[in-house]
Structures are given as C-alpha cells and as structure tokens.
Amino acid sequence: GIEISSLNSAEAEAQTQALLKQDQVVLFEPAIRFNDYLV
C-alpha cells in the first residue's frame, strides 16, 4: 500500500489521481473529491 500523506487537499488529490492511473494499486488515505465533497 501507498500512503497519501499530504494534508494539503489539492496536493493529496493530485497524488491520488496520478496513482489511480495504475491498473492495480492500494492506497492509504487517498483524497477523493467530487464537486464540493472530499473524502
């Protein structure tokens, strides 16, 4: 697993999106944003 450690939402989202381009990956604390929602 790869941890998304950045507390900055924009940075965490960018790291998450880049890693999700892989076909198989496990992420810890990925930032998933849609409109005004962020988890």
PDB file of all heavy atoms in Angstrom:
ATOM      1  N   GLY A   1       0.804  -1.212   0.000  1.00  0.00           N
ATOM      2  CA  GLY A   1       0.000   0.000   0.000  1.00  0.00           C
ATOM      3  C   GLY A   1       0.840   1.267   0.000  1.00  0.00           C
ATOM      4  O   GLY A   1       1.944   1.308   0.549  1.00  0.00           O
ATOM      5  N   ILE A   2       0.301   2.301  -0.617  1.00  0.00           N
ATOM      6  CA  ILE A   2       0.979   3.597  -0.726  1.00  0.00           C
ATOM      7  C   ILE A   2       0.165   4.624   0.052  1.00  0.00           C
ATOM      8  O   ILE A   2      -1.041   4.771  -0.180  1.00  0.00           O
ATOM      9  CB  ILE A   2       1.113   4.042  -2.187  1.00  0.00           C
ATOM     10  CG1 ILE A   2       1.873   2.985  -2.998  1.00  0.00           C
ATOM     11  CG2 ILE A   2       1.801   5.398  -2.284  1.00  0.00           C
ATOM     12  CD1 ILE A   2       1.862   3.249  -4.492  1.00  0.00           C
ATOM     13  N   GLU A   3       0.821   5.336   0.945  1.00  0.00           N
ATOM     14  CA  GLU A   3       0.112   6.320   1.761  1.00  0.00           C
ATOM     15  C   GLU A   3       0.170   7.709   1.120  1.00  0.00           C
ATOM     16  O   GLU A   3       1.225   8.165   0.678  1.00  0.00           O
ATOM     17  CB  GLU A   3       0.710   6.391   3.170  1.00  0.00           C
ATOM     18  CG  GLU A   3      -0.021   7.384   4.063  1.00  0.00           C
ATOM     19  CD  GLU A   3       0.030   6.999   5.530  1.00  0.00           C
ATOM     20  OE1 GLU A   3       0.819   6.102   5.876  1.00  0.00           O
ATOM     21  OE2 GLU A   3      -0.732   7.580   6.317  1.00  0.00           O
ATOM     22  N   ILE A   4      -1.002   8.353   1.079  1.00  0.00           N
ATOM     23  CA  ILE A   4      -1.081   9.741   0.633  1.00  0.00           C
ATOM     24  C   ILE A   4      -0.995  10.590   1.899  1.00  0.00           C
ATOM     25  O   ILE A   4      -1.982  10.764   2.610  1.00  0.00           O
ATOM     26  CB  ILE A   4      -2.392  10.028  -0.124  1.00  0.00           C
ATOM     27  CG1 ILE A   4      -2.611   9.002  -1.237  1.00  0.00           C
ATOM     28  CG2 ILE A   4      -2.388  11.448  -0.670  1.00  0.00           C
ATOM     29  CD1 ILE A   4      -1.566   9.009  -2.307  1.00  0.00           C
ATOM     30  N   SER A   5       0.172  11.085   2.195  1.00  0.00           N
ATOM     31  CA  SER A   5       0.417  11.714   3.491  1.00  0.00           C
ATOM     32  C   SER A   5       0.187  13.221   3.517  1.00  0.00           C
ATOM     33  O   SER A   5       0.102  13.821   4.587  1.00  0.00           O
ATOM     34  CB  SER A   5       1.846  11.422   3.958  1.00  0.00           C
ATOM     35  OG  SER A   5       2.782  11.873   2.997  1.00  0.00           O
ATOM     36  N   SER A   6       0.086  13.844   2.361  1.00  0.00           N
ATOM     37  CA  SER A   6      -0.065  15.294   2.324  1.00  0.00           C
ATOM     38  C   SER A   6      -1.366  15.728   2.977  1.00  0.00           C
ATOM     39  O   SER A   6      -2.431  15.135   2.750  1.00  0.00           O
ATOM     40  CB  SER A   6      -0.023  15.810   0.882  1.00  0.00           C
ATOM     41  OG  SER A   6      -0.268  17.204   0.849  1.00  0.00           O
ATOM     42  N   LEU A   7      -1.303  16.779   3.802  1.00  0.00           N
ATOM     43  CA  LEU A   7      -2.500  17.339   4.428  1.00  0.00           C
ATOM     44  C   LEU A   7      -3.143  18.402   3.546  1.00  0.00           C
ATOM     45  O   LEU A   7      -4.260  18.847   3.828  1.00  0.00           O
ATOM     46  CB  LEU A   7      -2.143  17.946   5.795  1.00  0.00           C
ATOM     47  CG  LEU A   7      -1.560  16.979   6.823  1.00  0.00           C
ATOM     48  CD1 LEU A   7      -1.251  17.716   8.124  1.00  0.00           C
ATOM     49  CD2 LEU A   7      -2.509  15.820   7.085  1.00  0.00           C
ATOM     50  N   ASN A   8      -2.435  18.806   2.507  1.00  0.00           N
ATOM     51  CA  ASN A   8      -2.980  19.773   1.566  1.00  0.00           C
ATOM     52  C   ASN A   8      -3.931  19.057   0.608  1.00  0.00           C
ATOM     53  O   ASN A   8      -3.534  18.102  -0.075  1.00  0.00           O
ATOM     54  CB  ASN A   8      -1.840  20.444   0.790  1.00  0.00           C
ATOM     55  CG  ASN A   8      -2.343  21.461  -0.207  1.00  0.00           C
ATOM     56  OD1 ASN A   8      -2.771  21.116  -1.301  1.00  0.00           O
ATOM     57  ND2 ASN A   8      -2.293  22.733   0.174  1.00  0.00           N
ATOM     58  N   SER A   9      -5.165  19.489   0.565  1.00  0.00           N
ATOM     59  CA  SER A   9      -6.190  18.781  -0.206  1.00  0.00           C
ATOM     60  C   SER A   9      -5.844  18.692  -1.690  1.00  0.00           C
ATOM     61  O   SER A   9      -6.004  17.639  -2.310  1.00  0.00           O
ATOM     62  CB  SER A   9      -7.551  19.467  -0.030  1.00  0.00           C
ATOM     63  OG  SER A   9      -7.956  19.427   1.315  1.00  0.00           O
ATOM     64  N   ALA A  10      -5.379  19.802  -2.254  1.00  0.00           N
ATOM     65  CA  ALA A  10      -5.066  19.810  -3.684  1.00  0.00           C
ATOM     66  C   ALA A  10      -3.905  18.870  -3.994  1.00  0.00           C
ATOM     67  O   ALA A  10      -3.945  18.120  -4.982  1.00  0.00           O
ATOM     68  CB  ALA A  10      -4.742  21.231  -4.136  1.00  0.00           C
ATOM     69  N   GLU A  11      -2.868  18.893  -3.162  1.00  0.00           N
ATOM     70  CA  GLU A  11      -1.730  18.003  -3.363  1.00  0.00           C
ATOM     71  C   GLU A  11      -2.144  16.546  -3.219  1.00  0.00           C
ATOM     72  O   GLU A  11      -1.754  15.691  -4.025  1.00  0.00           O
ATOM     73  CB  GLU A  11      -0.623  18.330  -2.357  1.00  0.00           C
ATOM     74  CG  GLU A  11       0.095  19.643  -2.607  1.00  0.00           C
ATOM     75  CD  GLU A  11       1.187  19.893  -1.581  1.00  0.00           C
ATOM     76  OE1 GLU A  11       1.402  19.006  -0.716  1.00  0.00           O
ATOM     77  OE2 GLU A  11       1.816  20.962  -1.633  1.00  0.00           O
ATOM     78  N   ALA A  12      -2.926  16.254  -2.177  1.00  0.00           N
ATOM     79  CA  ALA A  12      -3.365  14.879  -1.935  1.00  0.00           C
ATOM     80  C   ALA A  12      -4.233  14.374  -3.080  1.00  0.00           C
ATOM     81  O   ALA A  12      -4.113  13.219  -3.510  1.00  0.00           O
ATOM     82  CB  ALA A  12      -4.123  14.804  -0.617  1.00  0.00           C
ATOM     83  N   GLU A  13      -5.088  15.238  -3.593  1.00  0.00           N
ATOM     84  CA  GLU A  13      -5.951  14.840  -4.711  1.00  0.00           C
ATOM     85  C   GLU A  13      -5.124  14.559  -5.958  1.00  0.00           C
ATOM     86  O   GLU A  13      -5.371  13.570  -6.674  1.00  0.00           O
ATOM     87  CB  GLU A  13      -6.976  15.938  -4.992  1.00  0.00           C
ATOM     88  CG  GLU A  13      -7.954  15.569  -6.101  1.00  0.00           C
ATOM     89  CD  GLU A  13      -8.892  16.703  -6.462  1.00  0.00           C
ATOM     90  OE1 GLU A  13      -8.850  17.765  -5.806  1.00  0.00           O
ATOM     91  OE2 GLU A  13      -9.669  16.516  -7.418  1.00  0.00           O
ATOM     92  N   ALA A  14      -4.127  15.404  -6.218  1.00  0.00           N
ATOM     93  CA  ALA A  14      -3.277  15.211  -7.399  1.00  0.00           C
ATOM     94  C   ALA A  14      -2.484  13.912  -7.290  1.00  0.00           C
ATOM     95  O   ALA A  14      -2.369  13.152  -8.268  1.00  0.00           O
ATOM     96  CB  ALA A  14      -2.333  16.404  -7.549  1.00  0.00           C
ATOM     97  N   GLN A  15      -1.940  13.623  -6.111  1.00  0.00           N
ATOM     98  CA  GLN A  15      -1.201  12.378  -5.903  1.00  0.00           C
ATOM     99  C   GLN A  15      -2.116  11.173  -6.090  1.00  0.00           C
ATOM    100  O   GLN A  15      -1.735  10.170  -6.704  1.00  0.00           O
ATOM    101  CB  GLN A  15      -0.591  12.364  -4.505  1.00  0.00           C
ATOM    102  CG  GLN A  15       0.507  13.395  -4.280  1.00  0.00           C
ATOM    103  CD  GLN A  15       0.927  13.486  -2.825  1.00  0.00           C
ATOM    104  OE1 GLN A  15       0.580  12.628  -2.015  1.00  0.00           O
ATOM    105  NE2 GLN A  15       1.674  14.527  -2.479  1.00  0.00           N
ATOM    106  N   THR A  16      -3.334  11.294  -5.565  1.00  0.00           N
ATOM    107  CA  THR A  16      -4.296  10.193  -5.679  1.00  0.00           C
ATOM    108  C   THR A  16      -4.637   9.916  -7.132  1.00  0.00           C
ATOM    109  O   THR A  16      -4.625   8.757  -7.582  1.00  0.00           O
ATOM    110  CB  THR A  16      -5.579  10.531  -4.895  1.00  0.00           C
ATOM    111  OG1 THR A  16      -5.266  10.697  -3.505  1.00  0.00           O
ATOM    112  CG2 THR A  16      -6.616   9.428  -5.052  1.00  0.00           C
ATOM    113  N   GLN A  17      -4.953  10.965  -7.889  1.00  0.00           N
ATOM    114  CA  GLN A  17      -5.344  10.790  -9.279  1.00  0.00           C
ATOM    115  C   GLN A  17      -4.207  10.181 -10.106  1.00  0.00           C
ATOM    116  O   GLN A  17      -4.445   9.346 -10.984  1.00  0.00           O
ATOM    117  CB  GLN A  17      -5.771  12.136  -9.879  1.00  0.00           C
ATOM    118  CG  GLN A  17      -7.095  12.656  -9.342  1.00  0.00           C
ATOM    119  CD  GLN A  17      -8.235  11.689  -9.596  1.00  0.00           C
ATOM    120  OE1 GLN A  17      -8.377  11.137 -10.687  1.00  0.00           O
ATOM    121  NE2 GLN A  17      -9.049  11.443  -8.572  1.00  0.00           N
ATOM    122  N   ALA A  18      -2.981  10.582  -9.801  1.00  0.00           N
ATOM    123  CA  ALA A  18      -1.833  10.031 -10.534  1.00  0.00           C
ATOM    124  C   ALA A  18      -1.677   8.540 -10.255  1.00  0.00           C
ATOM    125  O   ALA A  18      -1.439   7.740 -11.176  1.00  0.00           O
ATOM    126  CB  ALA A  18      -0.563  10.789 -10.144  1.00  0.00           C
ATOM    127  N   LEU A  19      -1.823   8.137  -9.003  1.00  0.00           N
ATOM    128  CA  LEU A  19      -1.654   6.733  -8.638  1.00  0.00           C
ATOM    129  C   LEU A  19      -2.815   5.871  -9.131  1.00  0.00           C
ATOM    130  O   LEU A  19      -2.635   4.687  -9.423  1.00  0.00           O
ATOM    131  CB  LEU A  19      -1.508   6.605  -7.119  1.00  0.00           C
ATOM    132  CG  LEU A  19      -0.179   7.127  -6.566  1.00  0.00           C
ATOM    133  CD1 LEU A  19      -0.240   7.281  -5.051  1.00  0.00           C
ATOM    134  CD2 LEU A  19       0.960   6.179  -6.950  1.00  0.00           C
ATOM    135  N   LEU A  20      -4.016   6.455  -9.226  1.00  0.00           N
ATOM    136  CA  LEU A  20      -5.173   5.693  -9.698  1.00  0.00           C
ATOM    137  C   LEU A  20      -5.112   5.390 -11.195  1.00  0.00           C
ATOM    138  O   LEU A  20      -5.949   4.642 -11.708  1.00  0.00           O
ATOM    139  CB  LEU A  20      -6.474   6.444  -9.373  1.00  0.00           C
ATOM    140  CG  LEU A  20      -6.908   6.414  -7.903  1.00  0.00           C
ATOM    141  CD1 LEU A  20      -8.202   7.190  -7.702  1.00  0.00           C
ATOM    142  CD2 LEU A  20      -7.087   4.977  -7.405  1.00  0.00           C
ATOM    143  N   LYS A  21      -4.116   5.953 -11.877  1.00  0.00           N
ATOM    144  CA  LYS A  21      -3.927   5.608 -13.286  1.00  0.00           C
ATOM    145  C   LYS A  21      -3.348   4.209 -13.433  1.00  0.00           C
ATOM    146  O   LYS A  21      -3.412   3.615 -14.513  1.00  0.00           O
ATOM    147  CB  LYS A  21      -3.010   6.639 -13.959  1.00  0.00           C
ATOM    148  CG  LYS A  21      -3.650   8.014 -14.073  1.00  0.00           C
ATOM    149  CD  LYS A  21      -2.696   9.014 -14.715  1.00  0.00           C
ATOM    150  CE  LYS A  21      -3.329  10.389 -14.817  1.00  0.00           C
ATOM    151  NZ  LYS A  21      -2.397  11.394 -15.412  1.00  0.00           N
ATOM    152  N   GLN A  22      -2.791   3.678 -12.340  1.00  0.00           N
ATOM    153  CA  GLN A  22      -2.297   2.309 -12.358  1.00  0.00           C
ATOM    154  C   GLN A  22      -3.480   1.346 -12.386  1.00  0.00           C
ATOM    155  O   GLN A  22      -4.551   1.628 -11.847  1.00  0.00           O
ATOM    156  CB  GLN A  22      -1.433   2.029 -11.128  1.00  0.00           C
ATOM    157  CG  GLN A  22      -0.210   2.922 -10.994  1.00  0.00           C
ATOM    158  CD  GLN A  22       0.609   2.598  -9.772  1.00  0.00           C
ATOM    159  OE1 GLN A  22       0.662   1.441  -9.339  1.00  0.00           O
ATOM    160  NE2 GLN A  22       1.268   3.605  -9.209  1.00  0.00           N
ATOM    161  N   ASP A  23      -3.268   0.189 -13.023  1.00  0.00           N
ATOM    162  CA  ASP A  23      -4.355  -0.782 -13.123  1.00  0.00           C
ATOM    163  C   ASP A  23      -4.645  -1.432 -11.773  1.00  0.00           C
ATOM    164  O   ASP A  23      -5.808  -1.702 -11.450  1.00  0.00           O
ATOM    165  CB  ASP A  23      -4.000  -1.863 -14.150  1.00  0.00           C
ATOM    166  CG  ASP A  23      -5.199  -2.727 -14.492  1.00  0.00           C
ATOM    167  OD1 ASP A  23      -6.233  -2.169 -14.908  1.00  0.00           O
ATOM    168  OD2 ASP A  23      -5.102  -3.960 -14.334  1.00  0.00           O
ATOM    169  N   GLN A  24      -3.603  -1.653 -10.995  1.00  0.00           N
ATOM    170  CA  GLN A  24      -3.759  -2.243  -9.667  1.00  0.00           C
ATOM    171  C   GLN A  24      -2.943  -1.438  -8.664  1.00  0.00           C
ATOM    172  O   GLN A  24      -1.746  -1.220  -8.874  1.00  0.00           O
ATOM    173  CB  GLN A  24      -3.306  -3.704  -9.652  1.00  0.00           C
ATOM    174  CG  GLN A  24      -4.174  -4.639 -10.489  1.00  0.00           C
ATOM    175  CD  GLN A  24      -3.703  -6.072 -10.414  1.00  0.00           C
ATOM    176  OE1 GLN A  24      -2.502  -6.344 -10.345  1.00  0.00           O
ATOM    177  NE2 GLN A  24      -4.645  -7.009 -10.414  1.00  0.00           N
ATOM    178  N   VAL A  25      -3.587  -1.025  -7.579  1.00  0.00           N
ATOM    179  CA  VAL A  25      -2.892  -0.241  -6.566  1.00  0.00           C
ATOM    180  C   VAL A  25      -3.712  -0.238  -5.279  1.00  0.00           C
ATOM    181  O   VAL A  25      -4.941  -0.367  -5.312  1.00  0.00           O
ATOM    182  CB  VAL A  25      -2.663   1.216  -7.057  1.00  0.00           C
ATOM    183  CG1 VAL A  25      -3.976   1.985  -7.161  1.00  0.00           C
ATOM    184  CG2 VAL A  25      -1.674   1.946  -6.168  1.00  0.00           C
ATOM    185  N   VAL A  26      -3.021  -0.140  -4.148  1.00  0.00           N
ATOM    186  CA  VAL A  26      -3.659   0.002  -2.844  1.00  0.00           C
ATOM    187  C   VAL A  26      -3.202   1.332  -2.260  1.00  0.00           C
ATOM    188  O   VAL A  26      -2.001   1.598  -2.169  1.00  0.00           O
ATOM    189  CB  VAL A  26      -3.268  -1.143  -1.879  1.00  0.00           C
ATOM    190  CG1 VAL A  26      -3.909  -0.910  -0.506  1.00  0.00           C
ATOM    191  CG2 VAL A  26      -3.707  -2.485  -2.444  1.00  0.00           C
ATOM    192  N   LEU A  27      -4.160   2.157  -1.867  1.00  0.00           N
ATOM    193  CA  LEU A  27      -3.848   3.485  -1.352  1.00  0.00           C
ATOM    194  C   LEU A  27      -4.380   3.654   0.072  1.00  0.00           C
ATOM    195  O   LEU A  27      -5.491   3.211   0.381  1.00  0.00           O
ATOM    196  CB  LEU A  27      -4.458   4.568  -2.247  1.00  0.00           C
ATOM    197  CG  LEU A  27      -4.011   4.579  -3.715  1.00  0.00           C
ATOM    198  CD1 LEU A  27      -4.717   5.699  -4.466  1.00  0.00           C
ATOM    199  CD2 LEU A  27      -2.494   4.720  -3.827  1.00  0.00           C
ATOM    200  N   PHE A  28      -3.568   4.284   0.900  1.00  0.00           N
ATOM    201  CA  PHE A  28      -3.983   4.657   2.248  1.00  0.00           C
ATOM    202  C   PHE A  28      -4.256   6.166   2.273  1.00  0.00           C
ATOM    203  O   PHE A  28      -3.423   6.959   1.829  1.00  0.00           O
ATOM    204  CB  PHE A  28      -2.888   4.331   3.272  1.00  0.00           C
ATOM    205  CG  PHE A  28      -2.438   2.894   3.280  1.00  0.00           C
ATOM    206  CD1 PHE A  28      -1.104   2.569   3.461  1.00  0.00           C
ATOM    207  CD2 PHE A  28      -3.342   1.859   3.101  1.00  0.00           C
ATOM    208  CE1 PHE A  28      -0.670   1.255   3.469  1.00  0.00           C
ATOM    209  CE2 PHE A  28      -2.935   0.528   3.099  1.00  0.00           C
ATOM    210  CZ  PHE A  28      -1.591   0.230   3.285  1.00  0.00           C
ATOM    211  N   GLU A  29      -5.407   6.543   2.758  1.00  0.00           N
ATOM    212  CA  GLU A  29      -5.809   7.945   2.866  1.00  0.00           C
ATOM    213  C   GLU A  29      -5.813   8.682   1.522  1.00  0.00           C
ATOM    214  O   GLU A  29      -5.417   9.862   1.449  1.00  0.00           O
ATOM    215  CB  GLU A  29      -4.915   8.692   3.857  1.00  0.00           C
ATOM    216  CG  GLU A  29      -5.006   8.195   5.287  1.00  0.00           C
ATOM    217  CD  GLU A  29      -6.361   8.514   5.926  1.00  0.00           C
ATOM    218  OE1 GLU A  29      -6.991   9.524   5.544  1.00  0.00           O
ATOM    219  OE2 GLU A  29      -6.781   7.744   6.811  1.00  0.00           O
ATOM    220  N   PRO A  30      -6.280   8.047   0.442  1.00  0.00           N
ATOM    221  CA  PRO A  30      -6.378   8.785  -0.813  1.00  0.00           C
ATOM    222  C   PRO A  30      -7.447   9.869  -0.713  1.00  0.00           C
ATOM    223  O   PRO A  30      -8.438   9.711   0.006  1.00  0.00           O
ATOM    224  CB  PRO A  30      -6.776   7.703  -1.825  1.00  0.00           C
ATOM    225  CG  PRO A  30      -7.538   6.706  -1.005  1.00  0.00           C
ATOM    226  CD  PRO A  30      -6.816   6.671   0.315  1.00  0.00           C
ATOM    227  N   ALA A  31      -7.226  10.964  -1.438  1.00  0.00           N
ATOM    228  CA  ALA A  31      -8.184  12.076  -1.436  1.00  0.00           C
ATOM    229  C   ALA A  31      -9.094  11.938  -2.655  1.00  0.00           C
ATOM    230  O   ALA A  31      -8.643  12.070  -3.797  1.00  0.00           O
ATOM    231  CB  ALA A  31      -7.440  13.401  -1.459  1.00  0.00           C
ATOM    232  N   ILE A  32     -10.358  11.660  -2.393  1.00  0.00           N
ATOM    233  CA  ILE A  32     -11.345  11.503  -3.457  1.00  0.00           C
ATOM    234  C   ILE A  32     -12.274  12.711  -3.416  1.00  0.00           C
ATOM    235  O   ILE A  32     -13.001  12.912  -2.441  1.00  0.00           O
ATOM    236  CB  ILE A  32     -12.160  10.205  -3.284  1.00  0.00           C
ATOM    237  CG1 ILE A  32     -11.236   8.986  -3.139  1.00  0.00           C
ATOM    238  CG2 ILE A  32     -13.130  10.028  -4.447  1.00  0.00           C
ATOM    239  CD1 ILE A  32     -10.361   8.723  -4.342  1.00  0.00           C
ATOM    240  N   ARG A  33     -12.243  13.520  -4.480  1.00  0.00           N
ATOM    241  CA  ARG A  33     -13.075  14.732  -4.497  1.00  0.00           C
ATOM    242  C   ARG A  33     -14.034  14.713  -5.673  1.00  0.00           C
ATOM    243  O   ARG A  33     -13.669  14.352  -6.786  1.00  0.00           O
ATOM    244  CB  ARG A  33     -12.210  15.987  -4.580  1.00  0.00           C
ATOM    245  CG  ARG A  33     -13.040  17.284  -4.489  1.00  0.00           C
ATOM    246  CD  ARG A  33     -12.181  18.518  -4.686  1.00  0.00           C
ATOM    247  NE  ARG A  33     -11.660  18.611  -6.038  1.00  0.00           N
ATOM    248  CZ  ARG A  33     -12.350  19.118  -7.066  1.00  0.00           C
ATOM    249  NH1 ARG A  33     -13.591  19.558  -6.893  1.00  0.00           N
ATOM    250  NH2 ARG A  33     -11.803  19.162  -8.257  1.00  0.00           N
ATOM    251  N   PHE A  34     -15.266  15.120  -5.387  1.00  0.00           N
ATOM    252  CA  PHE A  34     -16.262  15.336  -6.441  1.00  0.00           C
ATOM    253  C   PHE A  34     -17.049  16.583  -6.054  1.00  0.00           C
ATOM    254  O   PHE A  34     -17.648  16.635  -4.973  1.00  0.00           O
ATOM    255  CB  PHE A  34     -17.197  14.126  -6.580  1.00  0.00           C
ATOM    256  CG  PHE A  34     -18.262  14.314  -7.630  1.00  0.00           C
ATOM    257  CD1 PHE A  34     -17.948  14.197  -8.973  1.00  0.00           C
ATOM    258  CD2 PHE A  34     -19.570  14.631  -7.272  1.00  0.00           C
ATOM    259  CE1 PHE A  34     -18.920  14.387  -9.948  1.00  0.00           C
ATOM    260  CE2 PHE A  34     -20.542  14.807  -8.242  1.00  0.00           C
ATOM    261  CZ  PHE A  34     -20.222  14.684  -9.583  1.00  0.00           C
ATOM    262  N   ASN A  35     -17.016  17.584  -6.924  1.00  0.00           N
ATOM    263  CA  ASN A  35     -17.658  18.870  -6.629  1.00  0.00           C
ATOM    264  C   ASN A  35     -17.194  19.392  -5.261  1.00  0.00           C
ATOM    265  O   ASN A  35     -16.011  19.572  -5.049  1.00  0.00           O
ATOM    266  CB  ASN A  35     -19.178  18.752  -6.716  1.00  0.00           C
ATOM    267  CG  ASN A  35     -19.647  18.496  -8.146  1.00  0.00           C
ATOM    268  OD1 ASN A  35     -18.905  18.741  -9.106  1.00  0.00           O
ATOM    269  ND2 ASN A  35     -20.862  18.003  -8.314  1.00  0.00           N
ATOM    270  N   ASP A  36     -18.114  19.584  -4.336  1.00  0.00           N
ATOM    271  CA  ASP A  36     -17.766  20.136  -3.023  1.00  0.00           C
ATOM    272  C   ASP A  36     -17.635  19.064  -1.952  1.00  0.00           C
ATOM    273  O   ASP A  36     -17.695  19.368  -0.756  1.00  0.00           O
ATOM    274  CB  ASP A  36     -18.809  21.180  -2.593  1.00  0.00           C
ATOM    275  CG  ASP A  36     -18.813  22.393  -3.505  1.00  0.00           C
ATOM    276  OD1 ASP A  36     -17.715  22.833  -3.907  1.00  0.00           O
ATOM    277  OD2 ASP A  36     -19.903  22.899  -3.826  1.00  0.00           O
ATOM    278  N   TYR A  37     -17.464  17.814  -2.362  1.00  0.00           N
ATOM    279  CA  TYR A  37     -17.261  16.710  -1.421  1.00  0.00           C
ATOM    280  C   TYR A  37     -15.806  16.254  -1.495  1.00  0.00           C
ATOM    281  O   TYR A  37     -15.232  16.149  -2.584  1.00  0.00           O
ATOM    282  CB  TYR A  37     -18.165  15.514  -1.750  1.00  0.00           C
ATOM    283  CG  TYR A  37     -19.594  15.866  -2.069  1.00  0.00           C
ATOM    284  CD1 TYR A  37     -20.169  15.477  -3.282  1.00  0.00           C
ATOM    285  CD2 TYR A  37     -20.375  16.582  -1.173  1.00  0.00           C
ATOM    286  CE1 TYR A  37     -21.478  15.786  -3.587  1.00  0.00           C
ATOM    287  CE2 TYR A  37     -21.689  16.900  -1.475  1.00  0.00           C
ATOM    288  CZ  TYR A  37     -22.238  16.502  -2.691  1.00  0.00           C
ATOM    289  OH  TYR A  37     -23.540  16.822  -2.984  1.00  0.00           O
ATOM    290  N   LEU A  38     -15.224  15.967  -0.353  1.00  0.00           N
ATOM    291  CA  LEU A  38     -13.865  15.455  -0.322  1.00  0.00           C
ATOM    292  C   LEU A  38     -13.746  14.433   0.798  1.00  0.00           C
ATOM    293  O   LEU A  38     -14.018  14.755   1.958  1.00  0.00           O
ATOM    294  CB  LEU A  38     -12.855  16.581  -0.078  1.00  0.00           C
ATOM    295  CG  LEU A  38     -11.400  16.147   0.098  1.00  0.00           C
ATOM    296  CD1 LEU A  38     -10.831  15.642  -1.229  1.00  0.00           C
ATOM    297  CD2 LEU A  38     -10.548  17.291   0.630  1.00  0.00           C
ATOM    298  N   VAL A  39     -13.363  13.205   0.459  1.00  0.00           N
ATOM    299  CA  VAL A  39     -13.199  12.168   1.480  1.00  0.00           C
ATOM    300  C   VAL A  39     -11.791  11.601   1.390  1.00  0.00           C
ATOM    301  O   VAL A  39     -11.230  11.458   0.302  1.00  0.00           O
ATOM    302  CB  VAL A  39     -14.242  11.033   1.330  1.00  0.00           C
ATOM    303  CG1 VAL A  39     -15.646  11.564   1.584  1.00  0.00           C
ATOM    304  CG2 VAL A  39     -14.161  10.366  -0.039  1.00  0.00           C
TER     305      VAL A  39
END
